[in-house]
Amino acid sequence: MPSKKSLFLSVAALATAACVTATVVALQASSPVSAATRQAALPSGYQLVTLPNSNVPNFQRRTVYCPGGKHVLGGGGEARGNGAILVGSFPTDDARGWIALGRQIGYNDVGISVFAICAD
């Protein structure tokens, strides 16, 4: 069972990512918005880090880390394959990366991709 701290970090990271995404979408939807204005809306040092799809045994965790001293604001994962299910998607305990894991019904492995939204 996840601790209250990791549950809080997961909720906080998802809320932050949703706010950042909503801000970027709102800026893109409004009429003449310059690239500089959209960039200013992002947190300092914003970077999307990805761990491309790779087949791993069912329920094996895949982790992507933010570069340097950056922290994770949010993230996600994708399970690929017939009957693939994303079982978990959450930040690392040190808030420097994102973890995803899954399973594929009828197979011993599953394709997992992981994404982390990072900032200073």
PDB file of N, CA and C in Angstrom:
ATOM      1  N   MET A   1       0.854  -1.184   0.000  1.00  0.00           N
ATOM      2  CA  MET A   1       0.000   0.000   0.000  1.00  0.00           C
ATOM      3  C   MET A   1       0.890   1.235   0.000  1.00  0.00           C
ATOM      4  N   PRO A   2       0.600   2.198  -0.880  1.00  0.00           N
ATOM      5  CA  PRO A   2       1.445   3.389  -0.943  1.00  0.00           C
ATOM      6  C   PRO A   2       1.334   4.229   0.329  1.00  0.00           C
ATOM      7  N   SER A   3       2.440   4.858   0.685  1.00  0.00           N
ATOM      8  CA  SER A   3       2.426   5.720   1.864  1.00  0.00           C
ATOM      9  C   SER A   3       1.654   6.993   1.556  1.00  0.00           C
ATOM     10  N   LYS A   4       1.268   7.703   2.609  1.00  0.00           N
ATOM     11  CA  LYS A   4       0.557   8.971   2.422  1.00  0.00           C
ATOM     12  C   LYS A   4       1.437   9.955   1.656  1.00  0.00           C
ATOM     13  N   LYS A   5       2.763   9.908   1.912  1.00  0.00           N
ATOM     14  CA  LYS A   5       3.680  10.824   1.245  1.00  0.00           C
ATOM     15  C   LYS A   5       3.702  10.569  -0.256  1.00  0.00           C
ATOM     16  N   SER A   6       3.830   9.291  -0.675  1.00  0.00           N
ATOM     17  CA  SER A   6       3.886   9.025  -2.113  1.00  0.00           C
ATOM     18  C   SER A   6       2.541   9.272  -2.771  1.00  0.00           C
ATOM     19  N   LEU A   7       1.441   9.043  -2.056  1.00  0.00           N
ATOM     20  CA  LEU A   7       0.130   9.364  -2.603  1.00  0.00           C
ATOM     21  C   LEU A   7      -0.002  10.873  -2.782  1.00  0.00           C
ATOM     22  N   PHE A   8       0.450  11.654  -1.792  1.00  0.00           N
ATOM     23  CA  PHE A   8       0.410  13.108  -1.895  1.00  0.00           C
ATOM     24  C   PHE A   8       1.273  13.594  -3.051  1.00  0.00           C
ATOM     25  N   LEU A   9       2.486  13.031  -3.198  1.00  0.00           N
ATOM     26  CA  LEU A   9       3.370  13.425  -4.292  1.00  0.00           C
ATOM     27  C   LEU A   9       2.745  13.117  -5.639  1.00  0.00           C
ATOM     28  N   SER A  10       2.079  11.961  -5.752  1.00  0.00           N
ATOM     29  CA  SER A  10       1.423  11.604  -7.015  1.00  0.00           C
ATOM     30  C   SER A  10       0.322  12.589  -7.351  1.00  0.00           C
ATOM     31  N   VAL A  11      -0.517  12.905  -6.366  1.00  0.00           N
ATOM     32  CA  VAL A  11      -1.621  13.839  -6.599  1.00  0.00           C
ATOM     33  C   VAL A  11      -1.075  15.233  -6.918  1.00  0.00           C
ATOM     34  N   ALA A  12      -0.070  15.669  -6.175  1.00  0.00           N
ATOM     35  CA  ALA A  12       0.515  16.991  -6.411  1.00  0.00           C
ATOM     36  C   ALA A  12       1.159  17.061  -7.795  1.00  0.00           C
ATOM     37  N   ALA A  13       1.862  16.014  -8.187  1.00  0.00           N
ATOM     38  CA  ALA A  13       2.503  16.013  -9.500  1.00  0.00           C
ATOM     39  C   ALA A  13       1.467  16.043 -10.612  1.00  0.00           C
ATOM     40  N   LEU A  14       0.404  15.270 -10.465  1.00  0.00           N
ATOM     41  CA  LEU A  14      -0.644  15.267 -11.489  1.00  0.00           C
ATOM     42  C   LEU A  14      -1.350  16.614 -11.566  1.00  0.00           C
ATOM     43  N   ALA A  15      -1.613  17.233 -10.418  1.00  0.00           N
ATOM     44  CA  ALA A  15      -2.269  18.543 -10.402  1.00  0.00           C
ATOM     45  C   ALA A  15      -1.377  19.598 -11.061  1.00  0.00           C
ATOM     46  N   THR A  16      -0.093  19.554 -10.761  1.00  0.00           N
ATOM     47  CA  THR A  16       0.841  20.511 -11.366  1.00  0.00           C
ATOM     48  C   THR A  16       0.899  20.316 -12.874  1.00  0.00           C
ATOM     49  N   ALA A  17       1.006  19.063 -13.305  1.00  0.00           N
ATOM     50  CA  ALA A  17       1.058  18.781 -14.743  1.00  0.00           C
ATOM     51  C   ALA A  17      -0.218  19.239 -15.438  1.00  0.00           C
ATOM     52  N   ALA A  18      -1.361  19.039 -14.791  1.00  0.00           N
ATOM     53  CA  ALA A  18      -2.629  19.476 -15.380  1.00  0.00           C
ATOM     54  C   ALA A  18      -2.668  20.993 -15.520  1.00  0.00           C
ATOM     55  N   CYS A  19      -2.170  21.709 -14.516  1.00  0.00           N
ATOM     56  CA  CYS A  19      -2.150  23.182 -14.579  1.00  0.00           C
ATOM     57  C   CYS A  19      -1.228  23.668 -15.694  1.00  0.00           C
ATOM     58  N   VAL A  20      -0.050  23.058 -15.807  1.00  0.00           N
ATOM     59  CA  VAL A  20       0.889  23.446 -16.858  1.00  0.00           C
ATOM     60  C   VAL A  20       0.279  23.169 -18.229  1.00  0.00           C
ATOM     61  N   THR A  21      -0.316  21.996 -18.386  1.00  0.00           N
ATOM     62  CA  THR A  21      -0.940  21.639 -19.658  1.00  0.00           C
ATOM     63  C   THR A  21      -2.083  22.582 -19.992  1.00  0.00           C
ATOM     64  N   ALA A  22      -2.938  22.882 -19.014  1.00  0.00           N
ATOM     65  CA  ALA A  22      -4.061  23.788 -19.250  1.00  0.00           C
ATOM     66  C   ALA A  22      -3.582  25.176 -19.647  1.00  0.00           C
ATOM     67  N   THR A  23      -2.513  25.633 -19.016  1.00  0.00           N
ATOM     68  CA  THR A  23      -1.965  26.952 -19.350  1.00  0.00           C
ATOM     69  C   THR A  23      -1.444  26.975 -20.782  1.00  0.00           C
ATOM     70  N   VAL A  24      -0.702  25.937 -21.164  1.00  0.00           N
ATOM     71  CA  VAL A  24      -0.154  25.877 -22.523  1.00  0.00           C
ATOM     72  C   VAL A  24      -1.279  25.777 -23.550  1.00  0.00           C
ATOM     73  N   VAL A  25      -2.281  24.945 -23.282  1.00  0.00           N
ATOM     74  CA  VAL A  25      -3.410  24.803 -24.208  1.00  0.00           C
ATOM     75  C   VAL A  25      -4.160  26.118 -24.341  1.00  0.00           C
ATOM     76  N   ALA A  26      -4.387  26.807 -23.216  1.00  0.00           N
ATOM     77  CA  ALA A  26      -5.091  28.089 -23.257  1.00  0.00           C
ATOM     78  C   ALA A  26      -4.303  29.115 -24.067  1.00  0.00           C
ATOM     79  N   LEU A  27      -2.999  29.127 -23.896  1.00  0.00           N
ATOM     80  CA  LEU A  27      -2.176  30.070 -24.656  1.00  0.00           C
ATOM     81  C   LEU A  27      -2.184  29.743 -26.147  1.00  0.00           C
ATOM     82  N   GLN A  28      -2.175  28.457 -26.474  1.00  0.00           N
ATOM     83  CA  GLN A  28      -2.186  28.069 -27.877  1.00  0.00           C
ATOM     84  C   GLN A  28      -3.532  28.384 -28.522  1.00  0.00           C
ATOM     85  N   ALA A  29      -4.619  28.312 -27.740  1.00  0.00           N
ATOM     86  CA  ALA A  29      -5.957  28.537 -28.275  1.00  0.00           C
ATOM     87  C   ALA A  29      -6.244  30.018 -28.480  1.00  0.00           C
ATOM     88  N   SER A  30      -5.639  30.888 -27.687  1.00  0.00           N
ATOM     89  CA  SER A  30      -5.911  32.310 -27.847  1.00  0.00           C
ATOM     90  C   SER A  30      -5.209  32.828 -29.094  1.00  0.00           C
ATOM     91  N   SER A  31      -5.788  33.854 -29.685  1.00  0.00           N
ATOM     92  CA  SER A  31      -5.360  34.335 -31.001  1.00  0.00           C
ATOM     93  C   SER A  31      -3.861  34.548 -31.138  1.00  0.00           C
ATOM     94  N   PRO A  32      -3.406  35.775 -31.348  1.00  0.00           N
ATOM     95  CA  PRO A  32      -1.988  35.945 -31.666  1.00  0.00           C
ATOM     96  C   PRO A  32      -1.100  35.843 -30.426  1.00  0.00           C
ATOM     97  N   VAL A  33      -0.657  34.624 -30.119  1.00  0.00           N
ATOM     98  CA  VAL A  33       0.241  34.418 -28.986  1.00  0.00           C
ATOM     99  C   VAL A  33       1.594  34.013 -29.536  1.00  0.00           C
ATOM    100  N   SER A  34       2.586  34.727 -29.135  1.00  0.00           N
ATOM    101  CA  SER A  34       3.927  34.456 -29.654  1.00  0.00           C
ATOM    102  C   SER A  34       4.531  33.227 -28.977  1.00  0.00           C
ATOM    103  N   ALA A  35       5.524  32.666 -29.617  1.00  0.00           N
ATOM    104  CA  ALA A  35       6.248  31.529 -29.048  1.00  0.00           C
ATOM    105  C   ALA A  35       6.902  31.930 -27.732  1.00  0.00           C
ATOM    106  N   ALA A  36       7.360  33.175 -27.651  1.00  0.00           N
ATOM    107  CA  ALA A  36       7.993  33.654 -26.413  1.00  0.00           C
ATOM    108  C   ALA A  36       6.987  33.671 -25.263  1.00  0.00           C
ATOM    109  N   THR A  37       5.744  34.054 -25.542  1.00  0.00           N
ATOM    110  CA  THR A  37       4.718  34.075 -24.502  1.00  0.00           C
ATOM    111  C   THR A  37       4.411  32.659 -24.040  1.00  0.00           C
ATOM    112  N   ARG A  38       4.294  31.715 -24.984  1.00  0.00           N
ATOM    113  CA  ARG A  38       4.029  30.320 -24.605  1.00  0.00           C
ATOM    114  C   ARG A  38       5.182  29.782 -23.768  1.00  0.00           C
ATOM    115  N   GLN A  39       6.413  30.084 -24.150  1.00  0.00           N
ATOM    116  CA  GLN A  39       7.576  29.611 -23.415  1.00  0.00           C
ATOM    117  C   GLN A  39       7.600  30.198 -22.007  1.00  0.00           C
ATOM    118  N   ALA A  40       7.206  31.454 -21.848  1.00  0.00           N
ATOM    119  CA  ALA A  40       7.205  32.105 -20.541  1.00  0.00           C
ATOM    120  C   ALA A  40       6.207  31.456 -19.592  1.00  0.00           C
ATOM    121  N   ALA A  41       5.176  30.806 -20.128  1.00  0.00           N
ATOM    122  CA  ALA A  41       4.167  30.172 -19.289  1.00  0.00           C
ATOM    123  C   ALA A  41       4.659  28.868 -18.677  1.00  0.00           C
ATOM    124  N   LEU A  42       5.725  28.311 -19.216  1.00  0.00           N
ATOM    125  CA  LEU A  42       6.252  27.050 -18.720  1.00  0.00           C
ATOM    126  C   LEU A  42       7.172  27.294 -17.523  1.00  0.00           C
ATOM    127  N   PRO A  43       7.264  26.311 -16.626  1.00  0.00           N
ATOM    128  CA  PRO A  43       8.171  26.457 -15.481  1.00  0.00           C
ATOM    129  C   PRO A  43       9.623  26.550 -15.950  1.00  0.00           C
ATOM    130  N   SER A  44      10.453  27.160 -15.141  1.00  0.00           N
ATOM    131  CA  SER A  44      11.868  27.308 -15.454  1.00  0.00           C
ATOM    132  C   SER A  44      12.508  25.937 -15.669  1.00  0.00           C
ATOM    133  N   GLY A  45      13.208  25.781 -16.783  1.00  0.00           N
ATOM    134  CA  GLY A  45      13.895  24.528 -17.067  1.00  0.00           C
ATOM    135  C   GLY A  45      12.981  23.407 -17.523  1.00  0.00           C
ATOM    136  N   TYR A  46      11.767  23.737 -17.987  1.00  0.00           N
ATOM    137  CA  TYR A  46      10.801  22.728 -18.429  1.00  0.00           C
ATOM    138  C   TYR A  46      11.430  21.794 -19.455  1.00  0.00           C
ATOM    139  N   GLN A  47      11.199  20.487 -19.283  1.00  0.00           N
ATOM    140  CA  GLN A  47      11.714  19.505 -20.232  1.00  0.00           C
ATOM    141  C   GLN A  47      10.872  18.237 -20.139  1.00  0.00           C
ATOM    142  N   LEU A  48      10.463  17.717 -21.290  1.00  0.00           N
ATOM    143  CA  LEU A  48       9.764  16.439 -21.348  1.00  0.00           C
ATOM    144  C   LEU A  48      10.804  15.373 -21.654  1.00  0.00           C
ATOM    145  N   VAL A  49      10.905  14.376 -20.785  1.00  0.00           N
ATOM    146  CA  VAL A  49      11.881  13.302 -20.943  1.00  0.00           C
ATOM    147  C   VAL A  49      11.115  12.012 -21.201  1.00  0.00           C
ATOM    148  N   THR A  50      11.550  11.233 -22.190  1.00  0.00           N
ATOM    149  CA  THR A  50      10.845  10.000 -22.528  1.00  0.00           C
ATOM    150  C   THR A  50      11.765   8.796 -22.481  1.00  0.00           C
ATOM    151  N   LEU A  51      11.185   7.684 -22.123  1.00  0.00           N
ATOM    152  CA  LEU A  51      11.856   6.389 -22.185  1.00  0.00           C
ATOM    153  C   LEU A  51      11.055   5.604 -23.220  1.00  0.00           C
ATOM    154  N   PRO A  52      11.608   5.421 -24.433  1.00  0.00           N
ATOM    155  CA  PRO A  52      10.840   4.814 -25.522  1.00  0.00           C
ATOM    156  C   PRO A  52      10.358   3.404 -25.196  1.00  0.00           C
ATOM    157  N   ASN A  53       9.365   2.975 -25.954  1.00  0.00           N
ATOM    158  CA  ASN A  53       8.762   1.661 -25.766  1.00  0.00           C
ATOM    159  C   ASN A  53       9.812   0.550 -25.801  1.00  0.00           C
ATOM    160  N   SER A  54       9.679  -0.365 -24.851  1.00  0.00           N
ATOM    161  CA  SER A  54      10.534  -1.544 -24.804  1.00  0.00           C
ATOM    162  C   SER A  54       9.752  -2.664 -24.143  1.00  0.00           C
ATOM    163  N   ASN A  55       9.917  -3.879 -24.652  1.00  0.00           N
ATOM    164  CA  ASN A  55       9.251  -5.026 -24.031  1.00  0.00           C
ATOM    165  C   ASN A  55      10.003  -5.432 -22.777  1.00  0.00           C
ATOM    166  N   VAL A  56       9.248  -5.593 -21.698  1.00  0.00           N
ATOM    167  CA  VAL A  56       9.796  -6.028 -20.416  1.00  0.00           C
ATOM    168  C   VAL A  56       8.856  -7.082 -19.842  1.00  0.00           C
ATOM    169  N   PRO A  57       9.331  -7.901 -18.898  1.00  0.00           N
ATOM    170  CA  PRO A  57       8.439  -8.872 -18.270  1.00  0.00           C
ATOM    171  C   PRO A  57       7.249  -8.170 -17.604  1.00  0.00           C
ATOM    172  N   ASN A  58       6.101  -8.845 -17.598  1.00  0.00           N
ATOM    173  CA  ASN A  58       4.927  -8.286 -16.938  1.00  0.00           C
ATOM    174  C   ASN A  58       5.263  -7.831 -15.520  1.00  0.00           C
ATOM    175  N   PHE A  59       4.756  -6.684 -15.139  1.00  0.00           N
ATOM    176  CA  PHE A  59       4.893  -6.072 -13.812  1.00  0.00           C
ATOM    177  C   PHE A  59       6.297  -5.549 -13.507  1.00  0.00           C
ATOM    178  N   GLN A  60       7.221  -5.581 -14.466  1.00  0.00           N
ATOM    179  CA  GLN A  60       8.550  -5.003 -14.234  1.00  0.00           C
ATOM    180  C   GLN A  60       8.472  -3.491 -14.382  1.00  0.00           C
ATOM    181  N   ARG A  61       9.018  -2.774 -13.416  1.00  0.00           N
ATOM    182  CA  ARG A  61       9.011  -1.308 -13.449  1.00  0.00           C
ATOM    183  C   ARG A  61      10.017  -0.778 -14.456  1.00  0.00           C
ATOM    184  N   ARG A  62       9.616   0.296 -15.173  1.00  0.00           N
ATOM    185  CA  ARG A  62      10.542   1.057 -16.021  1.00  0.00           C
ATOM    186  C   ARG A  62      10.558   2.468 -15.462  1.00  0.00           C
ATOM    187  N   THR A  63      11.738   3.047 -15.353  1.00  0.00           N
ATOM    188  CA  THR A  63      11.880   4.358 -14.725  1.00  0.00           C
ATOM    189  C   THR A  63      12.655   5.296 -15.636  1.00  0.00           C
ATOM    190  N   VAL A  64      12.144   6.525 -15.781  1.00  0.00           N
ATOM    191  CA  VAL A  64      12.848   7.578 -16.505  1.00  0.00           C
ATOM    192  C   VAL A  64      13.168   8.667 -15.480  1.00  0.00           C
ATOM    193  N   TYR A  65      14.384   9.221 -15.551  1.00  0.00           N
ATOM    194  CA  TYR A  65      14.809  10.238 -14.589  1.00  0.00           C
ATOM    195  C   TYR A  65      14.981  11.593 -15.265  1.00  0.00           C
ATOM    196  N   CYS A  66      14.722  12.632 -14.507  1.00  0.00           N
ATOM    197  CA  CYS A  66      14.962  13.995 -14.973  1.00  0.00           C
ATOM    198  C   CYS A  66      16.465  14.234 -15.001  1.00  0.00           C
ATOM    199  N   PRO A  67      16.950  14.997 -15.983  1.00  0.00           N
ATOM    200  CA  PRO A  67      18.389  15.262 -16.062  1.00  0.00           C
ATOM    201  C   PRO A  67      18.851  16.255 -15.000  1.00  0.00           C
ATOM    202  N   GLY A  68      20.122  16.168 -14.654  1.00  0.00           N
ATOM    203  CA  GLY A  68      20.732  17.119 -13.719  1.00  0.00           C
ATOM    204  C   GLY A  68      19.985  17.211 -12.408  1.00  0.00           C
ATOM    205  N   GLY A  69      19.788  18.433 -11.933  1.00  0.00           N
ATOM    206  CA  GLY A  69      19.107  18.657 -10.660  1.00  0.00           C
ATOM    207  C   GLY A  69      17.613  18.907 -10.802  1.00  0.00           C
ATOM    208  N   LYS A  70      17.037  18.578 -11.953  1.00  0.00           N
ATOM    209  CA  LYS A  70      15.618  18.840 -12.175  1.00  0.00           C
ATOM    210  C   LYS A  70      14.745  17.879 -11.380  1.00  0.00           C
ATOM    211  N   HIS A  71      13.517  18.332 -11.114  1.00  0.00           N
ATOM    212  CA  HIS A  71      12.528  17.526 -10.399  1.00  0.00           C
ATOM    213  C   HIS A  71      11.354  17.236 -11.317  1.00  0.00           C
ATOM    214  N   VAL A  72      10.671  16.140 -11.043  1.00  0.00           N
ATOM    215  CA  VAL A  72       9.524  15.744 -11.846  1.00  0.00           C
ATOM    216  C   VAL A  72       8.274  16.495 -11.371  1.00  0.00           C
ATOM    217  N   LEU A  73       7.542  17.057 -12.324  1.00  0.00           N
ATOM    218  CA  LEU A  73       6.271  17.725 -12.025  1.00  0.00           C
ATOM    219  C   LEU A  73       5.092  16.792 -12.286  1.00  0.00           C
ATOM    220  N   GLY A  74       5.299  15.848 -13.176  1.00  0.00           N
ATOM    221  CA  GLY A  74       4.251  14.894 -13.533  1.00  0.00           C
ATOM    222  C   GLY A  74       4.814  13.912 -14.527  1.00  0.00           C
ATOM    223  N   GLY A  75       3.976  13.001 -14.958  1.00  0.00           N
ATOM    224  CA  GLY A  75       4.445  12.017 -15.915  1.00  0.00           C
ATOM    225  C   GLY A  75       3.360  11.030 -16.253  1.00  0.00           C
ATOM    226  N   GLY A  76       3.751   9.987 -16.946  1.00  0.00           N
ATOM    227  CA  GLY A  76       2.794   8.971 -17.329  1.00  0.00           C
ATOM    228  C   GLY A  76       3.491   7.817 -18.002  1.00  0.00           C
ATOM    229  N   GLY A  77       2.691   6.853 -18.410  1.00  0.00           N
ATOM    230  CA  GLY A  77       3.219   5.687 -19.077  1.00  0.00           C
ATOM    231  C   GLY A  77       2.218   5.165 -20.079  1.00  0.00           C
ATOM    232  N   GLU A  78       2.694   4.302 -20.953  1.00  0.00           N
ATOM    233  CA  GLU A  78       1.831   3.682 -21.947  1.00  0.00           C
ATOM    234  C   GLU A  78       2.189   2.209 -22.029  1.00  0.00           C
ATOM    235  N   ALA A  79       1.164   1.361 -21.991  1.00  0.00           N
ATOM    236  CA  ALA A  79       1.341  -0.072 -22.178  1.00  0.00           C
ATOM    237  C   ALA A  79       0.901  -0.413 -23.594  1.00  0.00           C
ATOM    238  N   ARG A  80       1.775  -1.090 -24.353  1.00  0.00           N
ATOM    239  CA  ARG A  80       1.469  -1.413 -25.748  1.00  0.00           C
ATOM    240  C   ARG A  80       1.417  -2.919 -25.961  1.00  0.00           C
ATOM    241  N   GLY A  81       0.448  -3.330 -26.746  1.00  0.00           N
ATOM    242  CA  GLY A  81       0.299  -4.736 -27.102  1.00  0.00           C
ATOM    243  C   GLY A  81      -1.153  -5.159 -26.968  1.00  0.00           C
ATOM    244  N   ASN A  82      -1.475  -6.313 -27.570  1.00  0.00           N
ATOM    245  CA  ASN A  82      -2.840  -6.841 -27.466  1.00  0.00           C
ATOM    246  C   ASN A  82      -3.152  -7.182 -26.021  1.00  0.00           C
ATOM    247  N   GLY A  83      -4.191  -6.587 -25.477  1.00  0.00           N
ATOM    248  CA  GLY A  83      -4.563  -6.843 -24.090  1.00  0.00           C
ATOM    249  C   GLY A  83      -3.616  -6.217 -23.087  1.00  0.00           C
ATOM    250  N   ALA A  84      -2.813  -5.232 -23.511  1.00  0.00           N
ATOM    251  CA  ALA A  84      -1.867  -4.576 -22.599  1.00  0.00           C
ATOM    252  C   ALA A  84      -2.607  -3.649 -21.647  1.00  0.00           C
ATOM    253  N   ILE A  85      -2.187  -3.642 -20.393  1.00  0.00           N
ATOM    254  CA  ILE A  85      -2.806  -2.821 -19.351  1.00  0.00           C
ATOM    255  C   ILE A  85      -1.713  -2.095 -18.578  1.00  0.00           C
ATOM    256  N   LEU A  86      -1.860  -0.775 -18.444  1.00  0.00           N
ATOM    257  CA  LEU A  86      -0.950  -0.004 -17.600  1.00  0.00           C
ATOM    258  C   LEU A  86      -1.391  -0.224 -16.160  1.00  0.00           C
ATOM    259  N   VAL A  87      -0.536  -0.822 -15.359  1.00  0.00           N
ATOM    260  CA  VAL A  87      -0.881  -1.190 -13.991  1.00  0.00           C
ATOM    261  C   VAL A  87      -0.539  -0.074 -13.005  1.00  0.00           C
ATOM    262  N   GLY A  88       0.557   0.650 -13.255  1.00  0.00           N
ATOM    263  CA  GLY A  88       0.962   1.709 -12.345  1.00  0.00           C
ATOM    264  C   GLY A  88       1.720   2.802 -13.066  1.00  0.00           C
ATOM    265  N   SER A  89       1.579   4.030 -12.552  1.00  0.00           N
ATOM    266  CA  SER A  89       2.267   5.196 -13.095  1.00  0.00           C
ATOM    267  C   SER A  89       2.371   6.200 -11.963  1.00  0.00           C
ATOM    268  N   PHE A  90       3.609   6.464 -11.502  1.00  0.00           N
ATOM    269  CA  PHE A  90       3.788   7.298 -10.318  1.00  0.00           C
ATOM    270  C   PHE A  90       5.212   7.836 -10.240  1.00  0.00           C
ATOM    271  N   PRO A  91       5.421   8.911  -9.443  1.00  0.00           N
ATOM    272  CA  PRO A  91       6.772   9.481  -9.321  1.00  0.00           C
ATOM    273  C   PRO A  91       7.679   8.600  -8.463  1.00  0.00           C
ATOM    274  N   THR A  92       8.992   8.751  -8.662  1.00  0.00           N
ATOM    275  CA  THR A  92       9.955   8.066  -7.799  1.00  0.00           C
ATOM    276  C   THR A  92       9.879   8.696  -6.406  1.00  0.00           C
ATOM    277  N   ASP A  93      10.355   7.986  -5.404  1.00  0.00           N
ATOM    278  CA  ASP A  93      10.304   8.492  -4.027  1.00  0.00           C
ATOM    279  C   ASP A  93      11.070   9.798  -3.846  1.00  0.00           C
ATOM    280  N   ASP A  94      12.128  10.002  -4.634  1.00  0.00           N
ATOM    281  CA  ASP A  94      12.935  11.220  -4.503  1.00  0.00           C
ATOM    282  C   ASP A  94      12.445  12.353  -5.409  1.00  0.00           C
ATOM    283  N   ALA A  95      11.327  12.148  -6.115  1.00  0.00           N
ATOM    284  CA  ALA A  95      10.724  13.158  -7.001  1.00  0.00           C
ATOM    285  C   ALA A  95      11.662  13.597  -8.124  1.00  0.00           C
ATOM    286  N   ARG A  96      12.521  12.693  -8.574  1.00  0.00           N
ATOM    287  CA  ARG A  96      13.445  13.010  -9.664  1.00  0.00           C
ATOM    288  C   ARG A  96      13.147  12.208 -10.931  1.00  0.00           C
ATOM    289  N   GLY A  97      12.074  11.418 -10.916  1.00  0.00           N
ATOM    290  CA  GLY A  97      11.749  10.615 -12.079  1.00  0.00           C
ATOM    291  C   GLY A  97      10.341  10.067 -12.016  1.00  0.00           C
ATOM    292  N   TRP A  98      10.002   9.250 -13.019  1.00  0.00           N
ATOM    293  CA  TRP A  98       8.660   8.666 -13.123  1.00  0.00           C
ATOM    294  C   TRP A  98       8.773   7.175 -13.404  1.00  0.00           C
ATOM    295  N   ILE A  99       7.880   6.396 -12.817  1.00  0.00           N
ATOM    296  CA  ILE A  99       7.869   4.939 -12.938  1.00  0.00           C
ATOM    297  C   ILE A  99       6.565   4.505 -13.604  1.00  0.00           C
ATOM    298  N   ALA A 100       6.648   3.510 -14.484  1.00  0.00           N
ATOM    299  CA  ALA A 100       5.449   2.914 -15.067  1.00  0.00           C
ATOM    300  C   ALA A 100       5.651   1.409 -15.162  1.00  0.00           C
ATOM    301  N   LEU A 101       4.564   0.668 -15.027  1.00  0.00           N
ATOM    302  CA  LEU A 101       4.611  -0.777 -15.179  1.00  0.00           C
ATOM    303  C   LEU A 101       3.282  -1.267 -15.707  1.00  0.00           C
ATOM    304  N   GLY A 102       3.299  -2.434 -16.320  1.00  0.00           N
ATOM    305  CA  GLY A 102       2.073  -2.963 -16.894  1.00  0.00           C
ATOM    306  C   GLY A 102       2.147  -4.461 -17.065  1.00  0.00           C
ATOM    307  N   ARG A 103       1.103  -4.965 -17.716  1.00  0.00           N
ATOM    308  CA  ARG A 103       1.052  -6.389 -18.023  1.00  0.00           C
ATOM    309  C   ARG A 103       0.275  -6.567 -19.321  1.00  0.00           C
ATOM    310  N   GLN A 104       0.462  -7.719 -19.942  1.00  0.00           N
ATOM    311  CA  GLN A 104      -0.247  -8.025 -21.170  1.00  0.00           C
ATOM    312  C   GLN A 104      -0.889  -9.397 -21.012  1.00  0.00           C
ATOM    313  N   ILE A 105      -2.192  -9.427 -21.118  1.00  0.00           N
ATOM    314  CA  ILE A 105      -2.958 -10.656 -20.937  1.00  0.00           C
ATOM    315  C   ILE A 105      -2.545 -11.680 -21.992  1.00  0.00           C
ATOM    316  N   GLY A 106      -2.214 -12.889 -21.542  1.00  0.00           N
ATOM    317  CA  GLY A 106      -1.858 -13.964 -22.456  1.00  0.00           C
ATOM    318  C   GLY A 106      -0.411 -13.978 -22.903  1.00  0.00           C
ATOM    319  N   TYR A 107       0.404 -13.045 -22.397  1.00  0.00           N
ATOM    320  CA  TYR A 107       1.814 -12.962 -22.764  1.00  0.00           C
ATOM    321  C   TYR A 107       2.658 -12.811 -21.502  1.00  0.00           C
ATOM    322  N   ASN A 108       3.953 -13.092 -21.632  1.00  0.00           N
ATOM    323  CA  ASN A 108       4.863 -12.955 -20.495  1.00  0.00           C
ATOM    324  C   ASN A 108       5.509 -11.581 -20.414  1.00  0.00           C
ATOM    325  N   ASP A 109       5.356 -10.770 -21.475  1.00  0.00           N
ATOM    326  CA  ASP A 109       5.950  -9.432 -21.459  1.00  0.00           C
ATOM    327  C   ASP A 109       4.983  -8.417 -22.036  1.00  0.00           C
ATOM    328  N   VAL A 110       5.350  -7.152 -21.878  1.00  0.00           N
ATOM    329  CA  VAL A 110       4.508  -6.033 -22.316  1.00  0.00           C
ATOM    330  C   VAL A 110       5.410  -4.882 -22.746  1.00  0.00           C
ATOM    331  N   GLY A 111       4.965  -4.115 -23.726  1.00  0.00           N
ATOM    332  CA  GLY A 111       5.701  -2.930 -24.146  1.00  0.00           C
ATOM    333  C   GLY A 111       5.341  -1.757 -23.243  1.00  0.00           C
ATOM    334  N   ILE A 112       6.338  -1.115 -22.652  1.00  0.00           N
ATOM    335  CA  ILE A 112       6.104   0.013 -21.740  1.00  0.00           C
ATOM    336  C   ILE A 112       6.934   1.216 -22.189  1.00  0.00           C
ATOM    337  N   SER A 113       6.276   2.382 -22.291  1.00  0.00           N
ATOM    338  CA  SER A 113       6.927   3.666 -22.511  1.00  0.00           C
ATOM    339  C   SER A 113       6.689   4.500 -21.269  1.00  0.00           C
ATOM    340  N   VAL A 114       7.642   5.378 -20.927  1.00  0.00           N
ATOM    341  CA  VAL A 114       7.497   6.223 -19.735  1.00  0.00           C
ATOM    342  C   VAL A 114       7.843   7.662 -20.102  1.00  0.00           C
ATOM    343  N   PHE A 115       7.096   8.603 -19.523  1.00  0.00           N
ATOM    344  CA  PHE A 115       7.265  10.030 -19.805  1.00  0.00           C
ATOM    345  C   PHE A 115       7.338  10.795 -18.490  1.00  0.00           C
ATOM    346  N   ALA A 116       8.238  11.772 -18.416  1.00  0.00           N
ATOM    347  CA  ALA A 116       8.354  12.613 -17.223  1.00  0.00           C
ATOM    348  C   ALA A 116       8.375  14.076 -17.639  1.00  0.00           C
ATOM    349  N   ILE A 117       7.602  14.895 -16.931  1.00  0.00           N
ATOM    350  CA  ILE A 117       7.615  16.344 -17.114  1.00  0.00           C
ATOM    351  C   ILE A 117       8.527  16.897 -16.034  1.00  0.00           C
ATOM    352  N   CYS A 118       9.633  17.485 -16.454  1.00  0.00           N
ATOM    353  CA  CYS A 118      10.673  17.932 -15.514  1.00  0.00           C
ATOM    354  C   CYS A 118      10.842  19.442 -15.541  1.00  0.00           C
ATOM    355  N   ALA A 119      11.331  20.002 -14.456  1.00  0.00           N
ATOM    356  CA  ALA A 119      11.645  21.438 -14.368  1.00  0.00           C
ATOM    357  C   ALA A 119      12.667  21.641 -13.260  1.00  0.00           C
ATOM    358  N   ASP A 120      13.261  22.865 -13.256  1.00  0.00           N
ATOM    359  CA  ASP A 120      14.264  23.190 -12.230  1.00  0.00           C
ATOM    360  C   ASP A 120      13.643  23.234 -10.853  1.00  0.00           C
TER     361      ASP A 120
END
